[in-house]
Amino acid sequence: MTRPCPRCGTALDGGPVLYTCQTGHGVFAADLNTEYQPTTRRTA
């Protein structure tokens, strides 16, 4: 994940439910303003 921590601004690690920043803050995925973009597969 390349989103910054909303508390301190450092990069987030982990996931997909709970992310952790370098300073130890826990951030839930539901608290981040991100939208899932599924890849579209075309079949013949």
C-alpha atoms as a PDB file:
ATOM      1  CA  MET A   1       0.000   0.000   0.000  1.00  0.00           C
ATOM      2  CA  THR A   2       1.369   3.374  -0.919  1.00  0.00           C
ATOM      3  CA  ARG A   3      -1.028   5.500   1.116  1.00  0.00           C
ATOM      4  CA  PRO A   4       0.435   7.641   3.922  1.00  0.00           C
ATOM      5  CA  CYS A   5      -0.606   7.267   7.540  1.00  0.00           C
ATOM      6  CA  PRO A   6      -3.292   9.860   8.362  1.00  0.00           C
ATOM      7  CA  ARG A   7      -1.681  10.526  11.774  1.00  0.00           C
ATOM      8  CA  CYS A   8       2.013  10.917  10.985  1.00  0.00           C
ATOM      9  CA  GLY A   9       2.357  10.754   7.176  1.00  0.00           C
ATOM     10  CA  THR A  10       4.736   7.770   6.955  1.00  0.00           C
ATOM     11  CA  ALA A  11       4.122   4.854   4.575  1.00  0.00           C
ATOM     12  CA  LEU A  12       1.725   2.083   5.594  1.00  0.00           C
ATOM     13  CA  ASP A  13       2.681  -1.618   5.668  1.00  0.00           C
ATOM     14  CA  GLY A  14       0.600  -4.758   6.087  1.00  0.00           C
ATOM     15  CA  GLY A  15      -3.040  -5.108   5.247  1.00  0.00           C
ATOM     16  CA  PRO A  16      -5.503  -5.912   3.812  1.00  0.00           C
ATOM     17  CA  VAL A  17      -7.587  -5.180   6.938  1.00  0.00           C
ATOM     18  CA  LEU A  18      -5.137  -3.525   9.352  1.00  0.00           C
ATOM     19  CA  TYR A  19      -2.198  -1.420   8.182  1.00  0.00           C
ATOM     20  CA  THR A  20       0.688  -0.286  10.376  1.00  0.00           C
ATOM     21  CA  CYS A  21       2.911   2.761   9.873  1.00  0.00           C
ATOM     22  CA  GLN A  22       6.609   3.006  10.753  1.00  0.00           C
ATOM     23  CA  THR A  23       5.819   4.709  14.063  1.00  0.00           C
ATOM     24  CA  GLY A  24       3.483   1.885  15.135  1.00  0.00           C
ATOM     25  CA  HIS A  25       0.043   3.405  14.549  1.00  0.00           C
ATOM     26  CA  GLY A  26      -2.611   0.925  13.451  1.00  0.00           C
ATOM     27  CA  VAL A  27      -4.988   2.046  10.699  1.00  0.00           C
ATOM     28  CA  PHE A  28      -7.954  -0.001   9.514  1.00  0.00           C
ATOM     29  CA  ALA A  29      -8.596  -0.195   5.772  1.00  0.00           C
ATOM     30  CA  ALA A  30     -12.136   1.127   6.289  1.00  0.00           C
ATOM     31  CA  ASP A  31     -10.649   4.349   7.701  1.00  0.00           C
ATOM     32  CA  LEU A  32      -8.675   5.073   4.526  1.00  0.00           C
ATOM     33  CA  ASN A  33     -10.185   6.959   1.618  1.00  0.00           C
ATOM     34  CA  THR A  34      -9.402   4.426  -1.110  1.00  0.00           C
ATOM     35  CA  GLU A  35     -11.551   2.803  -3.752  1.00  0.00           C
ATOM     36  CA  TYR A  36     -10.999  -0.744  -4.992  1.00  0.00           C
ATOM     37  CA  GLN A  37     -10.498  -0.894  -8.755  1.00  0.00           C
ATOM     38  CA  PRO A  38     -10.826  -4.496  -9.952  1.00  0.00           C
ATOM     39  CA  THR A  39      -9.057  -5.452 -13.143  1.00  0.00           C
ATOM     40  CA  THR A  40     -11.467  -6.290 -15.919  1.00  0.00           C
ATOM     41  CA  ARG A  41     -10.910  -9.526 -17.748  1.00  0.00           C
ATOM     42  CA  ARG A  42     -12.355  -9.977 -21.167  1.00  0.00           C
ATOM     43  CA  THR A  43     -13.208 -13.445 -22.315  1.00  0.00           C
ATOM     44  CA  ALA A  44     -13.848 -14.440 -25.899  1.00  0.00           C
END
